[in-house]
Amino acid sequence: QVQLVESGGGLVQAGGSLRLSCAASISVFSINAMSWYRQAPGKQRELVATHTSAGYTNYADSVKGRFTISRDNVKNTVYLDMNSLKPEDTAVYYCYAAWRGVAYWGQGAQVTVSS
């Protein structure tokens, strides 16, 4: 089993920055791909960013150039660095990983961006 523990959510003004962390209970090096999703009230959960063990990254068009996903294999942690935040970025952000055919999710971190 894999545990994903998120931290770093909070309230920030538009234009500000925030870093989300997702600490895994196993080596993230052994996980081929990890992702961040987000879900706003009344909206479906959407994929924000993905990072593979090979270093490939992919971002939703809405966050390209503003968000950066990265891994620290020593700390077994995945990060989402969010810059130039906009009110439309307000959502609960979830860390995701698949390991041995099972999907795992973080508990969610609330990010609120005020105007």
PDB file of N, CA and C in Angstrom:
ATOM      1  N   GLN A   1       0.834  -1.178   0.000  1.00  0.00           N
ATOM      2  CA  GLN A   1       0.000   0.000   0.000  1.00  0.00           C
ATOM      3  C   GLN A   1       0.882   1.245   0.000  1.00  0.00           C
ATOM      4  N   VAL A   2       0.372   2.301  -0.616  1.00  0.00           N
ATOM      5  CA  VAL A   2       1.077   3.571  -0.692  1.00  0.00           C
ATOM      6  C   VAL A   2       0.254   4.640   0.011  1.00  0.00           C
ATOM      7  N   GLN A   3       0.918   5.394   0.858  1.00  0.00           N
ATOM      8  CA  GLN A   3       0.287   6.548   1.483  1.00  0.00           C
ATOM      9  C   GLN A   3       0.835   7.814   0.844  1.00  0.00           C
ATOM     10  N   LEU A   4      -0.065   8.727   0.515  1.00  0.00           N
ATOM     11  CA  LEU A   4       0.303  10.010  -0.048  1.00  0.00           C
ATOM     12  C   LEU A   4      -0.229  11.092   0.881  1.00  0.00           C
ATOM     13  N   VAL A   5       0.671  11.842   1.479  1.00  0.00           N
ATOM     14  CA  VAL A   5       0.300  12.866   2.443  1.00  0.00           C
ATOM     15  C   VAL A   5       0.634  14.229   1.872  1.00  0.00           C
ATOM     16  N   GLU A   6      -0.389  15.052   1.707  1.00  0.00           N
ATOM     17  CA  GLU A   6      -0.226  16.362   1.116  1.00  0.00           C
ATOM     18  C   GLU A   6      -0.088  17.443   2.180  1.00  0.00           C
ATOM     19  N   SER A   7       0.606  18.500   1.818  1.00  0.00           N
ATOM     20  CA  SER A   7       0.729  19.665   2.665  1.00  0.00           C
ATOM     21  C   SER A   7       1.000  20.880   1.793  1.00  0.00           C
ATOM     22  N   GLY A   8       0.800  22.061   2.362  1.00  0.00           N
ATOM     23  CA  GLY A   8       1.151  23.288   1.673  1.00  0.00           C
ATOM     24  C   GLY A   8       0.003  24.109   1.142  1.00  0.00           C
ATOM     25  N   GLY A   9      -1.216  23.633   1.292  1.00  0.00           N
ATOM     26  CA  GLY A   9      -2.352  24.407   0.832  1.00  0.00           C
ATOM     27  C   GLY A   9      -2.573  25.632   1.694  1.00  0.00           C
ATOM     28  N   GLY A  10      -3.422  26.521   1.214  1.00  0.00           N
ATOM     29  CA  GLY A  10      -3.708  27.713   1.983  1.00  0.00           C
ATOM     30  C   GLY A  10      -4.373  28.782   1.159  1.00  0.00           C
ATOM     31  N   LEU A  11      -4.417  29.969   1.735  1.00  0.00           N
ATOM     32  CA  LEU A  11      -5.030  31.132   1.112  1.00  0.00           C
ATOM     33  C   LEU A  11      -3.942  32.058   0.605  1.00  0.00           C
ATOM     34  N   VAL A  12      -4.090  32.502  -0.621  1.00  0.00           N
ATOM     35  CA  VAL A  12      -3.102  33.391  -1.219  1.00  0.00           C
ATOM     36  C   VAL A  12      -3.814  34.392  -2.119  1.00  0.00           C
ATOM     37  N   GLN A  13      -3.242  35.570  -2.227  1.00  0.00           N
ATOM     38  CA  GLN A  13      -3.803  36.583  -3.114  1.00  0.00           C
ATOM     39  C   GLN A  13      -3.432  36.300  -4.564  1.00  0.00           C
ATOM     40  N   ALA A  14      -4.268  36.770  -5.465  1.00  0.00           N
ATOM     41  CA  ALA A  14      -3.980  36.632  -6.884  1.00  0.00           C
ATOM     42  C   ALA A  14      -2.598  37.191  -7.197  1.00  0.00           C
ATOM     43  N   GLY A  15      -1.860  36.460  -8.018  1.00  0.00           N
ATOM     44  CA  GLY A  15      -0.504  36.840  -8.350  1.00  0.00           C
ATOM     45  C   GLY A  15       0.545  36.234  -7.441  1.00  0.00           C
ATOM     46  N   GLY A  16       0.110  35.633  -6.354  1.00  0.00           N
ATOM     47  CA  GLY A  16       1.025  35.037  -5.405  1.00  0.00           C
ATOM     48  C   GLY A  16       1.449  33.639  -5.797  1.00  0.00           C
ATOM     49  N   SER A  17       2.226  33.024  -4.905  1.00  0.00           N
ATOM     50  CA  SER A  17       2.774  31.696  -5.160  1.00  0.00           C
ATOM     51  C   SER A  17       2.513  30.776  -3.984  1.00  0.00           C
ATOM     52  N   LEU A  18       2.519  29.490  -4.280  1.00  0.00           N
ATOM     53  CA  LEU A  18       2.294  28.483  -3.261  1.00  0.00           C
ATOM     54  C   LEU A  18       2.963  27.192  -3.710  1.00  0.00           C
ATOM     55  N   ARG A  19       3.486  26.429  -2.772  1.00  0.00           N
ATOM     56  CA  ARG A  19       4.063  25.118  -3.067  1.00  0.00           C
ATOM     57  C   ARG A  19       3.283  24.034  -2.354  1.00  0.00           C
ATOM     58  N   LEU A  20       2.818  23.064  -3.111  1.00  0.00           N
ATOM     59  CA  LEU A  20       2.184  21.886  -2.559  1.00  0.00           C
ATOM     60  C   LEU A  20       3.189  20.742  -2.533  1.00  0.00           C
ATOM     61  N   SER A  21       3.137  19.952  -1.466  1.00  0.00           N
ATOM     62  CA  SER A  21       4.010  18.802  -1.329  1.00  0.00           C
ATOM     63  C   SER A  21       3.183  17.540  -1.180  1.00  0.00           C
ATOM     64  N   CYS A  22       3.694  16.456  -1.715  1.00  0.00           N
ATOM     65  CA  CYS A  22       3.053  15.155  -1.600  1.00  0.00           C
ATOM     66  C   CYS A  22       4.123  14.150  -1.213  1.00  0.00           C
ATOM     67  N   ALA A  23       4.108  13.725   0.039  1.00  0.00           N
ATOM     68  CA  ALA A  23       5.094  12.782   0.546  1.00  0.00           C
ATOM     69  C   ALA A  23       4.556  11.365   0.430  1.00  0.00           C
ATOM     70  N   ALA A  24       5.313  10.495  -0.227  1.00  0.00           N
ATOM     71  CA  ALA A  24       4.907   9.117  -0.445  1.00  0.00           C
ATOM     72  C   ALA A  24       5.586   8.184   0.546  1.00  0.00           C
ATOM     73  N   SER A  25       4.910   7.101   0.868  1.00  0.00           N
ATOM     74  CA  SER A  25       5.442   6.128   1.819  1.00  0.00           C
ATOM     75  C   SER A  25       6.397   5.130   1.173  1.00  0.00           C
ATOM     76  N   ILE A  26       6.520   5.171  -0.141  1.00  0.00           N
ATOM     77  CA  ILE A  26       7.488   4.368  -0.852  1.00  0.00           C
ATOM     78  C   ILE A  26       8.325   5.288  -1.725  1.00  0.00           C
ATOM     79  N   SER A  27       9.374   4.748  -2.295  1.00  0.00           N
ATOM     80  CA  SER A  27      10.227   5.547  -3.165  1.00  0.00           C
ATOM     81  C   SER A  27       9.459   5.988  -4.398  1.00  0.00           C
ATOM     82  N   VAL A  28       9.441   7.286  -4.629  1.00  0.00           N
ATOM     83  CA  VAL A  28       8.764   7.785  -5.825  1.00  0.00           C
ATOM     84  C   VAL A  28       9.511   7.392  -7.082  1.00  0.00           C
ATOM     85  N   PHE A  29      10.762   6.998  -6.927  1.00  0.00           N
ATOM     86  CA  PHE A  29      11.540   6.518  -8.060  1.00  0.00           C
ATOM     87  C   PHE A  29      10.918   5.263  -8.654  1.00  0.00           C
ATOM     88  N   SER A  30      10.245   4.459  -7.814  1.00  0.00           N
ATOM     89  CA  SER A  30       9.640   3.220  -8.273  1.00  0.00           C
ATOM     90  C   SER A  30       8.288   3.433  -8.941  1.00  0.00           C
ATOM     91  N   ILE A  31       7.775   4.647  -8.894  1.00  0.00           N
ATOM     92  CA  ILE A  31       6.485   4.972  -9.488  1.00  0.00           C
ATOM     93  C   ILE A  31       6.729   5.652 -10.828  1.00  0.00           C
ATOM     94  N   ASN A  32       6.197   5.060 -11.878  1.00  0.00           N
ATOM     95  CA  ASN A  32       6.477   5.558 -13.217  1.00  0.00           C
ATOM     96  C   ASN A  32       5.975   6.977 -13.428  1.00  0.00           C
ATOM     97  N   ALA A  33       4.775   7.253 -12.945  1.00  0.00           N
ATOM     98  CA  ALA A  33       4.198   8.566 -13.151  1.00  0.00           C
ATOM     99  C   ALA A  33       3.405   9.001 -11.922  1.00  0.00           C
ATOM    100  N   MET A  34       3.576  10.254 -11.555  1.00  0.00           N
ATOM    101  CA  MET A  34       2.789  10.858 -10.495  1.00  0.00           C
ATOM    102  C   MET A  34       2.169  12.135 -11.027  1.00  0.00           C
ATOM    103  N   SER A  35       1.013  12.454 -10.497  1.00  0.00           N
ATOM    104  CA  SER A  35       0.253  13.568 -11.035  1.00  0.00           C
ATOM    105  C   SER A  35      -0.383  14.390  -9.931  1.00  0.00           C
ATOM    106  N   TRP A  36      -0.751  15.591 -10.311  1.00  0.00           N
ATOM    107  CA  TRP A  36      -1.592  16.446  -9.495  1.00  0.00           C
ATOM    108  C   TRP A  36      -2.903  16.682 -10.230  1.00  0.00           C
ATOM    109  N   TYR A  37      -3.983  16.501  -9.519  1.00  0.00           N
ATOM    110  CA  TYR A  37      -5.312  16.828 -10.008  1.00  0.00           C
ATOM    111  C   TYR A  37      -5.892  17.935  -9.143  1.00  0.00           C
ATOM    112  N   ARG A  38      -6.946  18.557  -9.628  1.00  0.00           N
ATOM    113  CA  ARG A  38      -7.659  19.515  -8.801  1.00  0.00           C
ATOM    114  C   ARG A  38      -9.152  19.423  -9.083  1.00  0.00           C
ATOM    115  N   GLN A  39      -9.927  19.804  -8.096  1.00  0.00           N
ATOM    116  CA  GLN A  39     -11.370  19.781  -8.225  1.00  0.00           C
ATOM    117  C   GLN A  39     -11.959  21.011  -7.545  1.00  0.00           C
ATOM    118  N   ALA A  40     -12.598  21.839  -8.340  1.00  0.00           N
ATOM    119  CA  ALA A  40     -13.292  23.010  -7.828  1.00  0.00           C
ATOM    120  C   ALA A  40     -14.727  22.632  -7.483  1.00  0.00           C
ATOM    121  N   PRO A  41     -15.383  23.394  -6.602  1.00  0.00           N
ATOM    122  CA  PRO A  41     -16.769  23.087  -6.246  1.00  0.00           C
ATOM    123  C   PRO A  41     -17.671  23.000  -7.467  1.00  0.00           C
ATOM    124  N   GLY A  42     -18.429  21.919  -7.558  1.00  0.00           N
ATOM    125  CA  GLY A  42     -19.341  21.728  -8.667  1.00  0.00           C
ATOM    126  C   GLY A  42     -18.689  21.315  -9.964  1.00  0.00           C
ATOM    127  N   LYS A  43     -17.387  21.110  -9.953  1.00  0.00           N
ATOM    128  CA  LYS A  43     -16.651  20.742 -11.154  1.00  0.00           C
ATOM    129  C   LYS A  43     -16.097  19.329 -11.027  1.00  0.00           C
ATOM    130  N   GLN A  44     -15.805  18.725 -12.175  1.00  0.00           N
ATOM    131  CA  GLN A  44     -15.155  17.429 -12.176  1.00  0.00           C
ATOM    132  C   GLN A  44     -13.673  17.582 -11.877  1.00  0.00           C
ATOM    133  N   ARG A  45     -13.102  16.528 -11.337  1.00  0.00           N
ATOM    134  CA  ARG A  45     -11.678  16.530 -11.079  1.00  0.00           C
ATOM    135  C   ARG A  45     -10.922  16.571 -12.408  1.00  0.00           C
ATOM    136  N   GLU A  46      -9.925  17.442 -12.493  1.00  0.00           N
ATOM    137  CA  GLU A  46      -9.173  17.592 -13.724  1.00  0.00           C
ATOM    138  C   GLU A  46      -7.684  17.401 -13.482  1.00  0.00           C
ATOM    139  N   LEU A  47      -7.022  16.882 -14.491  1.00  0.00           N
ATOM    140  CA  LEU A  47      -5.583  16.676 -14.421  1.00  0.00           C
ATOM    141  C   LEU A  47      -4.867  18.005 -14.595  1.00  0.00           C
ATOM    142  N   VAL A  48      -3.964  18.302 -13.677  1.00  0.00           N
ATOM    143  CA  VAL A  48      -3.210  19.547 -13.706  1.00  0.00           C
ATOM    144  C   VAL A  48      -1.811  19.337 -14.259  1.00  0.00           C
ATOM    145  N   ALA A  49      -1.106  18.329 -13.754  1.00  0.00           N
ATOM    146  CA  ALA A  49       0.275  18.104 -14.157  1.00  0.00           C
ATOM    147  C   ALA A  49       0.667  16.662 -13.901  1.00  0.00           C
ATOM    148  N   THR A  50       1.583  16.156 -14.718  1.00  0.00           N
ATOM    149  CA  THR A  50       2.099  14.803 -14.588  1.00  0.00           C
ATOM    150  C   THR A  50       3.619  14.820 -14.699  1.00  0.00           C
ATOM    151  N   HIS A  51       4.273  13.980 -13.915  1.00  0.00           N
ATOM    152  CA  HIS A  51       5.721  13.832 -13.959  1.00  0.00           C
ATOM    153  C   HIS A  51       6.054  12.354 -13.984  1.00  0.00           C
ATOM    154  N   THR A  52       6.828  11.924 -14.980  1.00  0.00           N
ATOM    155  CA  THR A  52       7.235  10.532 -15.078  1.00  0.00           C
ATOM    156  C   THR A  52       8.624  10.346 -14.496  1.00  0.00           C
ATOM    157  N   SER A  53       8.978   9.083 -14.226  1.00  0.00           N
ATOM    158  CA  SER A  53      10.294   8.775 -13.680  1.00  0.00           C
ATOM    159  C   SER A  53      11.405   9.112 -14.661  1.00  0.00           C
ATOM    160  N   ALA A  54      11.065   9.211 -15.936  1.00  0.00           N
ATOM    161  CA  ALA A  54      12.028   9.586 -16.957  1.00  0.00           C
ATOM    162  C   ALA A  54      12.204  11.094 -17.075  1.00  0.00           C
ATOM    163  N   GLY A  55      11.422  11.846 -16.317  1.00  0.00           N
ATOM    164  CA  GLY A  55      11.544  13.290 -16.336  1.00  0.00           C
ATOM    165  C   GLY A  55      10.569  14.001 -17.251  1.00  0.00           C
ATOM    166  N   TYR A  56       9.716  13.257 -17.900  1.00  0.00           N
ATOM    167  CA  TYR A  56       8.714  13.874 -18.764  1.00  0.00           C
ATOM    168  C   TYR A  56       7.663  14.582 -17.919  1.00  0.00           C
ATOM    169  N   THR A  57       7.276  15.766 -18.351  1.00  0.00           N
ATOM    170  CA  THR A  57       6.224  16.510 -17.672  1.00  0.00           C
ATOM    171  C   THR A  57       5.165  16.935 -18.661  1.00  0.00           C
ATOM    172  N   ASN A  58       3.957  17.051 -18.163  1.00  0.00           N
ATOM    173  CA  ASN A  58       2.847  17.511 -18.964  1.00  0.00           C
ATOM    174  C   ASN A  58       1.949  18.366 -18.089  1.00  0.00           C
ATOM    175  N   TYR A  59       1.418  19.428 -18.675  1.00  0.00           N
ATOM    176  CA  TYR A  59       0.599  20.368 -17.926  1.00  0.00           C
ATOM    177  C   TYR A  59      -0.685  20.673 -18.660  1.00  0.00           C
ATOM    178  N   ALA A  60      -1.713  20.942 -17.877  1.00  0.00           N
ATOM    179  CA  ALA A  60      -2.932  21.463 -18.459  1.00  0.00           C
ATOM    180  C   ALA A  60      -2.652  22.836 -19.064  1.00  0.00           C
ATOM    181  N   ASP A  61      -3.336  23.142 -20.154  1.00  0.00           N
ATOM    182  CA  ASP A  61      -3.103  24.418 -20.826  1.00  0.00           C
ATOM    183  C   ASP A  61      -3.303  25.604 -19.885  1.00  0.00           C
ATOM    184  N   SER A  62      -4.225  25.476 -18.961  1.00  0.00           N
ATOM    185  CA  SER A  62      -4.557  26.577 -18.079  1.00  0.00           C
ATOM    186  C   SER A  62      -3.448  26.929 -17.094  1.00  0.00           C
ATOM    187  N   VAL A  63      -2.485  26.023 -16.893  1.00  0.00           N
ATOM    188  CA  VAL A  63      -1.430  26.269 -15.912  1.00  0.00           C
ATOM    189  C   VAL A  63      -0.039  26.299 -16.524  1.00  0.00           C
ATOM    190  N   LYS A  64       0.088  26.047 -17.815  1.00  0.00           N
ATOM    191  CA  LYS A  64       1.395  26.053 -18.463  1.00  0.00           C
ATOM    192  C   LYS A  64       2.079  27.401 -18.283  1.00  0.00           C
ATOM    193  N   GLY A  65       3.344  27.338 -17.928  1.00  0.00           N
ATOM    194  CA  GLY A  65       4.112  28.547 -17.703  1.00  0.00           C
ATOM    195  C   GLY A  65       3.983  29.111 -16.311  1.00  0.00           C
ATOM    196  N   ARG A  66       3.039  28.603 -15.528  1.00  0.00           N
ATOM    197  CA  ARG A  66       2.819  29.096 -14.170  1.00  0.00           C
ATOM    198  C   ARG A  66       3.095  28.036 -13.108  1.00  0.00           C
ATOM    199  N   PHE A  67       2.783  26.785 -13.415  1.00  0.00           N
ATOM    200  CA  PHE A  67       2.960  25.690 -12.462  1.00  0.00           C
ATOM    201  C   PHE A  67       4.128  24.813 -12.885  1.00  0.00           C
ATOM    202  N   THR A  68       4.809  24.239 -11.905  1.00  0.00           N
ATOM    203  CA  THR A  68       5.901  23.317 -12.161  1.00  0.00           C
ATOM    204  C   THR A  68       5.774  22.105 -11.249  1.00  0.00           C
ATOM    205  N   ILE A  69       5.792  20.913 -11.841  1.00  0.00           N
ATOM    206  CA  ILE A  69       5.778  19.685 -11.069  1.00  0.00           C
ATOM    207  C   ILE A  69       7.191  19.122 -11.027  1.00  0.00           C
ATOM    208  N   SER A  70       7.589  18.604  -9.877  1.00  0.00           N
ATOM    209  CA  SER A  70       8.924  18.053  -9.730  1.00  0.00           C
ATOM    210  C   SER A  70       8.918  16.931  -8.704  1.00  0.00           C
ATOM    211  N   ARG A  71       9.977  16.109  -8.736  1.00  0.00           N
ATOM    212  CA  ARG A  71      10.150  15.024  -7.774  1.00  0.00           C
ATOM    213  C   ARG A  71      11.470  15.172  -7.049  1.00  0.00           C
ATOM    214  N   ASP A  72      11.462  14.804  -5.792  1.00  0.00           N
ATOM    215  CA  ASP A  72      12.682  14.668  -5.020  1.00  0.00           C
ATOM    216  C   ASP A  72      12.752  13.207  -4.598  1.00  0.00           C
ATOM    217  N   ASN A  73      13.597  12.435  -5.261  1.00  0.00           N
ATOM    218  CA  ASN A  73      13.670  11.004  -4.993  1.00  0.00           C
ATOM    219  C   ASN A  73      14.274  10.688  -3.623  1.00  0.00           C
ATOM    220  N   VAL A  74      15.066  11.599  -3.089  1.00  0.00           N
ATOM    221  CA  VAL A  74      15.648  11.397  -1.768  1.00  0.00           C
ATOM    222  C   VAL A  74      14.580  11.545  -0.690  1.00  0.00           C
ATOM    223  N   LYS A  75      13.750  12.550  -0.825  1.00  0.00           N
ATOM    224  CA  LYS A  75      12.698  12.812   0.157  1.00  0.00           C
ATOM    225  C   LYS A  75      11.400  12.080  -0.149  1.00  0.00           C
ATOM    226  N   ASN A  76      11.358  11.358  -1.267  1.00  0.00           N
ATOM    227  CA  ASN A  76      10.140  10.652  -1.688  1.00  0.00           C
ATOM    228  C   ASN A  76       8.949  11.601  -1.732  1.00  0.00           C
ATOM    229  N   THR A  77       9.166  12.731  -2.352  1.00  0.00           N
ATOM    230  CA  THR A  77       8.166  13.782  -2.360  1.00  0.00           C
ATOM    231  C   THR A  77       7.997  14.350  -3.764  1.00  0.00           C
ATOM    232  N   VAL A  78       6.761  14.623  -4.100  1.00  0.00           N
ATOM    233  CA  VAL A  78       6.421  15.302  -5.344  1.00  0.00           C
ATOM    234  C   VAL A  78       5.903  16.687  -4.998  1.00  0.00           C
ATOM    235  N   TYR A  79       6.306  17.663  -5.778  1.00  0.00           N
ATOM    236  CA  TYR A  79       5.930  19.045  -5.513  1.00  0.00           C
ATOM    237  C   TYR A  79       5.128  19.617  -6.673  1.00  0.00           C
ATOM    238  N   LEU A  80       4.311  20.578  -6.347  1.00  0.00           N
ATOM    239  CA  LEU A  80       3.672  21.405  -7.345  1.00  0.00           C
ATOM    240  C   LEU A  80       3.905  22.854  -6.951  1.00  0.00           C
ATOM    241  N   ASP A  81       4.764  23.519  -7.697  1.00  0.00           N
ATOM    242  CA  ASP A  81       5.034  24.926  -7.467  1.00  0.00           C
ATOM    243  C   ASP A  81       4.093  25.754  -8.325  1.00  0.00           C
ATOM    244  N   MET A  82       3.302  26.566  -7.678  1.00  0.00           N
ATOM    245  CA  MET A  82       2.284  27.349  -8.349  1.00  0.00           C
ATOM    246  C   MET A  82       2.641  28.824  -8.245  1.00  0.00           C
ATOM    247  N   ASN A  83       2.764  29.456  -9.381  1.00  0.00           N
ATOM    248  CA  ASN A  83       3.108  30.868  -9.449  1.00  0.00           C
ATOM    249  C   ASN A  83       2.029  31.627 -10.210  1.00  0.00           C
ATOM    250  N   SER A  84       2.028  32.931 -10.024  1.00  0.00           N
ATOM    251  CA  SER A  84       1.058  33.799 -10.699  1.00  0.00           C
ATOM    252  C   SER A  84      -0.353  33.247 -10.558  1.00  0.00           C
ATOM    253  N   LEU A  85      -0.708  32.919  -9.346  1.00  0.00           N
ATOM    254  CA  LEU A  85      -1.993  32.273  -9.092  1.00  0.00           C
ATOM    255  C   LEU A  85      -3.161  33.187  -9.430  1.00  0.00           C
ATOM    256  N   LYS A  86      -4.206  32.561  -9.931  1.00  0.00           N
ATOM    257  CA  LYS A  86      -5.417  33.250 -10.321  1.00  0.00           C
ATOM    258  C   LYS A  86      -6.591  32.719  -9.513  1.00  0.00           C
ATOM    259  N   PRO A  87      -7.648  33.512  -9.350  1.00  0.00           N
ATOM    260  CA  PRO A  87      -8.818  33.019  -8.624  1.00  0.00           C
ATOM    261  C   PRO A  87      -9.367  31.716  -9.197  1.00  0.00           C
ATOM    262  N   GLU A  88      -9.264  31.514 -10.497  1.00  0.00           N
ATOM    263  CA  GLU A  88      -9.760  30.292 -11.104  1.00  0.00           C
ATOM    264  C   GLU A  88      -8.925  29.067 -10.760  1.00  0.00           C
ATOM    265  N   ASP A  89      -7.785  29.268 -10.108  1.00  0.00           N
ATOM    266  CA  ASP A  89      -6.992  28.150  -9.618  1.00  0.00           C
ATOM    267  C   ASP A  89      -7.532  27.601  -8.305  1.00  0.00           C
ATOM    268  N   THR A  90      -8.488  28.281  -7.713  1.00  0.00           N
ATOM    269  CA  THR A  90      -9.065  27.840  -6.452  1.00  0.00           C
ATOM    270  C   THR A  90      -9.693  26.460  -6.608  1.00  0.00           C
ATOM    271  N   ALA A  91      -9.257  25.526  -5.786  1.00  0.00           N
ATOM    272  CA  ALA A  91      -9.731  24.146  -5.862  1.00  0.00           C
ATOM    273  C   ALA A  91      -9.086  23.340  -4.748  1.00  0.00           C
ATOM    274  N   VAL A  92      -9.547  22.108  -4.608  1.00  0.00           N
ATOM    275  CA  VAL A  92      -8.846  21.140  -3.789  1.00  0.00           C
ATOM    276  C   VAL A  92      -7.893  20.381  -4.702  1.00  0.00           C
ATOM    277  N   TYR A  93      -6.640  20.345  -4.334  1.00  0.00           N
ATOM    278  CA  TYR A  93      -5.616  19.707  -5.142  1.00  0.00           C
ATOM    279  C   TYR A  93      -5.259  18.339  -4.567  1.00  0.00           C
ATOM    280  N   TYR A  94      -5.214  17.341  -5.445  1.00  0.00           N
ATOM    281  CA  TYR A  94      -4.966  15.966  -5.040  1.00  0.00           C
ATOM    282  C   TYR A  94      -3.728  15.411  -5.722  1.00  0.00           C
ATOM    283  N   CYS A  95      -2.883  14.797  -4.938  1.00  0.00           N
ATOM    284  CA  CYS A  95      -1.757  14.049  -5.467  1.00  0.00           C
ATOM    285  C   CYS A  95      -2.232  12.658  -5.868  1.00  0.00           C
ATOM    286  N   TYR A  96      -1.680  12.130  -6.948  1.00  0.00           N
ATOM    287  CA  TYR A  96      -2.096  10.831  -7.472  1.00  0.00           C
ATOM    288  C   TYR A  96      -0.889  10.002  -7.881  1.00  0.00           C
ATOM    289  N   ALA A  97      -0.978   8.705  -7.618  1.00  0.00           N
ATOM    290  CA  ALA A  97       0.034   7.773  -8.084  1.00  0.00           C
ATOM    291  C   ALA A  97      -0.595   6.411  -8.303  1.00  0.00           C
ATOM    292  N   ALA A  98      -0.091   5.683  -9.270  1.00  0.00           N
ATOM    293  CA  ALA A  98      -0.501   4.304  -9.502  1.00  0.00           C
ATOM    294  C   ALA A  98       0.690   3.404  -9.235  1.00  0.00           C
ATOM    295  N   TRP A  99       0.480   2.385  -8.432  1.00  0.00           N
ATOM    296  CA  TRP A  99       1.534   1.466  -8.045  1.00  0.00           C
ATOM    297  C   TRP A  99       0.974   0.067  -8.006  1.00  0.00           C
ATOM    298  N   ARG A 100       1.584  -0.826  -8.749  1.00  0.00           N
ATOM    299  CA  ARG A 100       1.164  -2.217  -8.850  1.00  0.00           C
ATOM    300  C   ARG A 100      -0.314  -2.331  -9.209  1.00  0.00           C
ATOM    301  N   GLY A 101      -0.734  -1.505 -10.137  1.00  0.00           N
ATOM    302  CA  GLY A 101      -2.081  -1.571 -10.664  1.00  0.00           C
ATOM    303  C   GLY A 101      -3.152  -0.948  -9.798  1.00  0.00           C
ATOM    304  N   VAL A 102      -2.766  -0.285  -8.729  1.00  0.00           N
ATOM    305  CA  VAL A 102      -3.720   0.326  -7.818  1.00  0.00           C
ATOM    306  C   VAL A 102      -3.513   1.832  -7.801  1.00  0.00           C
ATOM    307  N   ALA A 103      -4.608   2.576  -7.861  1.00  0.00           N
ATOM    308  CA  ALA A 103      -4.547   4.026  -7.812  1.00  0.00           C
ATOM    309  C   ALA A 103      -4.576   4.517  -6.371  1.00  0.00           C
ATOM    310  N   TYR A 104      -3.717   5.470  -6.073  1.00  0.00           N
ATOM    311  CA  TYR A 104      -3.652   6.058  -4.743  1.00  0.00           C
ATOM    312  C   TYR A 104      -3.810   7.567  -4.850  1.00  0.00           C
ATOM    313  N   TRP A 105      -4.484   8.133  -3.864  1.00  0.00           N
ATOM    314  CA  TRP A 105      -4.749   9.561  -3.831  1.00  0.00           C
ATOM    315  C   TRP A 105      -4.326  10.164  -2.501  1.00  0.00           C
ATOM    316  N   GLY A 106      -3.828  11.387  -2.567  1.00  0.00           N
ATOM    317  CA  GLY A 106      -3.611  12.150  -1.357  1.00  0.00           C
ATOM    318  C   GLY A 106      -4.939  12.592  -0.778  1.00  0.00           C
ATOM    319  N   GLN A 107      -4.886  13.157   0.425  1.00  0.00           N
ATOM    320  CA  GLN A 107      -6.121  13.531   1.110  1.00  0.00           C
ATOM    321  C   GLN A 107      -6.732  14.818   0.584  1.00  0.00           C
ATOM    322  N   GLY A 108      -6.001  15.545  -0.217  1.00  0.00           N
ATOM    323  CA  GLY A 108      -6.467  16.800  -0.769  1.00  0.00           C
ATOM    324  C   GLY A 108      -5.954  17.994   0.011  1.00  0.00           C
ATOM    325  N   ALA A 109      -5.603  19.035  -0.711  1.00  0.00           N
ATOM    326  CA  ALA A 109      -5.143  20.281  -0.103  1.00  0.00           C
ATOM    327  C   ALA A 109      -5.928  21.435  -0.710  1.00  0.00           C
ATOM    328  N   GLN A 110      -6.565  22.214   0.139  1.00  0.00           N
ATOM    329  CA  GLN A 110      -7.354  23.350  -0.333  1.00  0.00           C
ATOM    330  C   GLN A 110      -6.449  24.505  -0.704  1.00  0.00           C
ATOM    331  N   VAL A 111      -6.625  24.999  -1.909  1.00  0.00           N
ATOM    332  CA  VAL A 111      -5.941  26.198  -2.369  1.00  0.00           C
ATOM    333  C   VAL A 111      -6.997  27.228  -2.716  1.00  0.00           C
ATOM    334  N   THR A 112      -6.940  28.362  -2.052  1.00  0.00           N
ATOM    335  CA  THR A 112      -7.892  29.436  -2.296  1.00  0.00           C
ATOM    336  C   THR A 112      -7.136  30.683  -2.723  1.00  0.00           C
ATOM    337  N   VAL A 113      -7.490  31.202  -3.873  1.00  0.00           N
ATOM    338  CA  VAL A 113      -6.839  32.393  -4.416  1.00  0.00           C
ATOM    339  C   VAL A 113      -7.850  33.523  -4.414  1.00  0.00           C
ATOM    340  N   SER A 114      -7.550  34.568  -3.684  1.00  0.00           N
ATOM    341  CA  SER A 114      -8.449  35.709  -3.580  1.00  0.00           C
ATOM    342  C   SER A 114      -8.083  36.783  -4.589  1.00  0.00           C
ATOM    343  N   SER A 115      -9.081  37.563  -4.978  1.00  0.00           N
ATOM    344  CA  SER A 115      -8.864  38.639  -5.940  1.00  0.00           C
ATOM    345  C   SER A 115      -8.200  39.833  -5.281  1.00  0.00           C
TER     346      SER A 115
END
